């Protein structure tokens, strides 16, 4: 019974975290290579990195959530990443998204992220 309750609590926590991200957008400065404002837009299981100047995705990625970590994999886009996985800790506080690199096999993605928290864009 304890194991069932633990699994239920863990499932609820993962579902809640994914629900916090789904259908949200965040803006901030990315190093691509110079500081450039970009928008990170979470869909249900897809993540878009959007250039706000032309409103077009620069990168399209698949994402999954486990605990407080998000694993991303490139689907298409401008980076030299292929199917390498990136794992990041993500935390939302006061309408800001804090992203911390855990590991990423794609060098260009791991070095081009935002240094500062991203600001939530209200729809």
C-alpha atoms as a PDB file:
ATOM      1  CA  UNK A   1       0.000   0.000   0.000  1.00  0.00           C
ATOM      2  CA  UNK A   2       2.848   2.414   0.842  1.00  0.00           C
ATOM      3  CA  UNK A   3       4.454   1.678  -2.506  1.00  0.00           C
ATOM      4  CA  UNK A   4       1.180   2.388  -4.328  1.00  0.00           C
ATOM      5  CA  UNK A   5       0.804   5.726  -2.516  1.00  0.00           C
ATOM      6  CA  UNK A   6       4.428   6.653  -3.315  1.00  0.00           C
ATOM      7  CA  UNK A   7       3.888   5.869  -7.008  1.00  0.00           C
ATOM      8  CA  UNK A   8       0.655   7.871  -6.999  1.00  0.00           C
ATOM      9  CA  UNK A   9       2.358  10.888  -5.410  1.00  0.00           C
ATOM     10  CA  UNK A  10       5.291  10.705  -7.866  1.00  0.00           C
ATOM     11  CA  UNK A  11       2.914  10.446 -10.837  1.00  0.00           C
ATOM     12  CA  UNK A  12       0.936  13.431  -9.568  1.00  0.00           C
ATOM     13  CA  UNK A  13       4.129  15.501  -9.116  1.00  0.00           C
ATOM     14  CA  UNK A  14       5.341  14.711 -12.659  1.00  0.00           C
ATOM     15  CA  UNK A  15       1.921  15.443 -14.163  1.00  0.00           C
ATOM     16  CA  UNK A  16       1.700  18.711 -12.222  1.00  0.00           C
ATOM     17  CA  UNK A  17       5.142  19.858 -13.388  1.00  0.00           C
ATOM     18  CA  UNK A  18       4.406  19.031 -17.021  1.00  0.00           C
ATOM     19  CA  UNK A  19       1.078  20.851 -16.716  1.00  0.00           C
ATOM     20  CA  UNK A  20       2.965  23.935 -15.484  1.00  0.00           C
ATOM     21  CA  UNK A  21       4.963  23.997 -18.731  1.00  0.00           C
ATOM     22  CA  UNK A  22       2.363  22.929 -21.306  1.00  0.00           C
ATOM     23  CA  UNK A  23       1.043  25.804 -23.399  1.00  0.00           C
ATOM     24  CA  UNK A  24       3.305  28.439 -21.838  1.00  0.00           C
ATOM     25  CA  UNK A  25       5.779  30.846 -23.428  1.00  0.00           C
ATOM     26  CA  UNK A  26       8.902  32.408 -21.928  1.00  0.00           C
ATOM     27  CA  UNK A  27      11.218  35.109 -23.273  1.00  0.00           C
ATOM     28  CA  UNK A  28      14.830  35.851 -22.527  1.00  0.00           C
ATOM     29  CA  UNK A  29      18.269  36.491 -23.952  1.00  0.00           C
ATOM     30  CA  UNK A  30      20.019  33.516 -25.535  1.00  0.00           C
ATOM     31  CA  UNK A  31      23.669  33.396 -26.634  1.00  0.00           C
ATOM     32  CA  UNK A  32      23.248  32.558 -30.344  1.00  0.00           C
ATOM     33  CA  UNK A  33      26.190  33.559 -30.373  1.00  0.00           C
ATOM     34  CA  UNK A  34      25.507  37.182 -29.375  1.00  0.00           C
ATOM     35  CA  UNK A  35      22.763  37.944 -26.837  1.00  0.00           C
ATOM     36  CA  UNK A  36      19.499  37.658 -28.777  1.00  0.00           C
ATOM     37  CA  UNK A  37      15.951  37.738 -27.444  1.00  0.00           C
ATOM     38  CA  UNK A  38      14.207  34.440 -28.075  1.00  0.00           C
ATOM     39  CA  UNK A  39      10.940  32.838 -26.996  1.00  0.00           C
ATOM     40  CA  UNK A  40      10.766  29.339 -25.549  1.00  0.00           C
ATOM     41  CA  UNK A  41       7.270  27.963 -26.173  1.00  0.00           C
ATOM     42  CA  UNK A  42       6.090  24.730 -24.566  1.00  0.00           C
ATOM     43  CA  UNK A  43       3.317  22.823 -26.311  1.00  0.00           C
ATOM     44  CA  UNK A  44       1.929  19.538 -24.966  1.00  0.00           C
ATOM     45  CA  UNK A  45       5.099  17.548 -25.748  1.00  0.00           C
ATOM     46  CA  UNK A  46       6.890  19.827 -28.200  1.00  0.00           C
ATOM     47  CA  UNK A  47       9.178  22.719 -27.373  1.00  0.00           C
ATOM     48  CA  UNK A  48       9.785  25.581 -29.814  1.00  0.00           C
ATOM     49  CA  UNK A  49      12.588  28.132 -29.750  1.00  0.00           C
ATOM     50  CA  UNK A  50      11.122  31.098 -31.626  1.00  0.00           C
ATOM     51  CA  UNK A  51      12.722  34.198 -33.113  1.00  0.00           C
ATOM     52  CA  UNK A  52      10.325  37.002 -32.066  1.00  0.00           C
ATOM     53  CA  UNK A  53      11.423  39.182 -35.012  1.00  0.00           C
ATOM     54  CA  UNK A  54       9.784  36.897 -37.578  1.00  0.00           C
ATOM     55  CA  UNK A  55       7.723  34.669 -35.227  1.00  0.00           C
ATOM     56  CA  UNK A  56       9.297  31.563 -36.775  1.00  0.00           C
ATOM     57  CA  UNK A  57      10.738  28.566 -34.913  1.00  0.00           C
ATOM     58  CA  UNK A  58      14.525  28.396 -34.987  1.00  0.00           C
ATOM     59  CA  UNK A  59      14.448  24.983 -33.340  1.00  0.00           C
ATOM     60  CA  UNK A  60      11.720  22.399 -32.699  1.00  0.00           C
ATOM     61  CA  UNK A  61      12.310  19.856 -29.950  1.00  0.00           C
ATOM     62  CA  UNK A  62      10.514  17.026 -28.207  1.00  0.00           C
ATOM     63  CA  UNK A  63      10.444  17.217 -24.407  1.00  0.00           C
ATOM     64  CA  UNK A  64       9.534  15.010 -21.469  1.00  0.00           C
ATOM     65  CA  UNK A  65       9.355  15.772 -17.768  1.00  0.00           C
ATOM     66  CA  UNK A  66      10.561  13.625 -14.874  1.00  0.00           C
ATOM     67  CA  UNK A  67      10.500  15.223 -11.452  1.00  0.00           C
ATOM     68  CA  UNK A  68      12.048  18.674 -11.835  1.00  0.00           C
ATOM     69  CA  UNK A  69      14.059  17.726 -14.920  1.00  0.00           C
ATOM     70  CA  UNK A  70      13.172  18.187 -18.555  1.00  0.00           C
ATOM     71  CA  UNK A  71      14.779  16.066 -21.275  1.00  0.00           C
ATOM     72  CA  UNK A  72      14.845  17.577 -24.752  1.00  0.00           C
ATOM     73  CA  UNK A  73      15.739  16.175 -28.165  1.00  0.00           C
ATOM     74  CA  UNK A  74      15.908  18.085 -31.445  1.00  0.00           C
ATOM     75  CA  UNK A  75      13.283  17.366 -34.083  1.00  0.00           C
ATOM     76  CA  UNK A  76      14.329  20.060 -36.578  1.00  0.00           C
ATOM     77  CA  UNK A  77      16.061  23.402 -36.728  1.00  0.00           C
ATOM     78  CA  UNK A  78      19.202  25.423 -37.277  1.00  0.00           C
ATOM     79  CA  UNK A  79      21.511  23.939 -34.643  1.00  0.00           C
ATOM     80  CA  UNK A  80      24.024  21.199 -35.315  1.00  0.00           C
ATOM     81  CA  UNK A  81      22.316  19.013 -32.690  1.00  0.00           C
ATOM     82  CA  UNK A  82      21.000  15.707 -33.948  1.00  0.00           C
ATOM     83  CA  UNK A  83      19.375  13.178 -31.639  1.00  0.00           C
ATOM     84  CA  UNK A  84      21.558  14.107 -28.645  1.00  0.00           C
ATOM     85  CA  UNK A  85      19.588  14.520 -25.437  1.00  0.00           C
ATOM     86  CA  UNK A  86      19.766  17.537 -23.204  1.00  0.00           C
ATOM     87  CA  UNK A  87      18.739  17.288 -19.564  1.00  0.00           C
ATOM     88  CA  UNK A  88      17.902  20.460 -17.666  1.00  0.00           C
ATOM     89  CA  UNK A  89      16.496  21.274 -14.263  1.00  0.00           C
ATOM     90  CA  UNK A  90      13.604  23.708 -14.644  1.00  0.00           C
ATOM     91  CA  UNK A  91      11.864  25.598 -11.897  1.00  0.00           C
ATOM     92  CA  UNK A  92       9.137  28.221 -12.030  1.00  0.00           C
ATOM     93  CA  UNK A  93       9.181  30.978  -9.386  1.00  0.00           C
ATOM     94  CA  UNK A  94       7.336  34.301  -9.541  1.00  0.00           C
ATOM     95  CA  UNK A  95       6.508  33.935 -13.260  1.00  0.00           C
ATOM     96  CA  UNK A  96      10.171  33.285 -14.069  1.00  0.00           C
ATOM     97  CA  UNK A  97      11.597  30.087 -15.508  1.00  0.00           C
ATOM     98  CA  UNK A  98      14.978  29.109 -14.073  1.00  0.00           C
ATOM     99  CA  UNK A  99      16.891  26.683 -16.286  1.00  0.00           C
ATOM    100  CA  UNK A 100      19.968  24.825 -15.044  1.00  0.00           C
ATOM    101  CA  UNK A 101      22.044  22.569 -17.275  1.00  0.00           C
ATOM    102  CA  UNK A 102      22.426  19.034 -15.907  1.00  0.00           C
ATOM    103  CA  UNK A 103      23.906  17.432 -19.034  1.00  0.00           C
ATOM    104  CA  UNK A 104      23.670  17.935 -22.771  1.00  0.00           C
ATOM    105  CA  UNK A 105      25.474  15.963 -25.451  1.00  0.00           C
ATOM    106  CA  UNK A 106      24.963  18.798 -27.953  1.00  0.00           C
ATOM    107  CA  UNK A 107      27.647  21.408 -27.332  1.00  0.00           C
ATOM    108  CA  UNK A 108      25.997  24.228 -29.277  1.00  0.00           C
ATOM    109  CA  UNK A 109      22.694  23.872 -27.379  1.00  0.00           C
ATOM    110  CA  UNK A 110      24.391  23.584 -23.989  1.00  0.00           C
ATOM    111  CA  UNK A 111      26.408  26.782 -24.546  1.00  0.00           C
ATOM    112  CA  UNK A 112      23.722  28.961 -26.151  1.00  0.00           C
ATOM    113  CA  UNK A 113      21.106  28.970 -23.392  1.00  0.00           C
ATOM    114  CA  UNK A 114      19.948  31.929 -21.360  1.00  0.00           C
ATOM    115  CA  UNK A 115      22.082  33.005 -18.398  1.00  0.00           C
ATOM    116  CA  UNK A 116      19.186  34.766 -16.680  1.00  0.00           C
ATOM    117  CA  UNK A 117      15.722  33.404 -15.832  1.00  0.00           C
ATOM    118  CA  UNK A 118      13.131  33.647 -18.604  1.00  0.00           C
ATOM    119  CA  UNK A 119      10.082  35.888 -18.140  1.00  0.00           C
ATOM    120  CA  UNK A 120       6.652  34.385 -18.650  1.00  0.00           C
ATOM    121  CA  UNK A 121       4.667  35.777 -21.558  1.00  0.00           C
ATOM    122  CA  UNK A 122       0.981  36.042 -20.753  1.00  0.00           C
ATOM    123  CA  UNK A 123      -1.350  35.028 -23.571  1.00  0.00           C
END
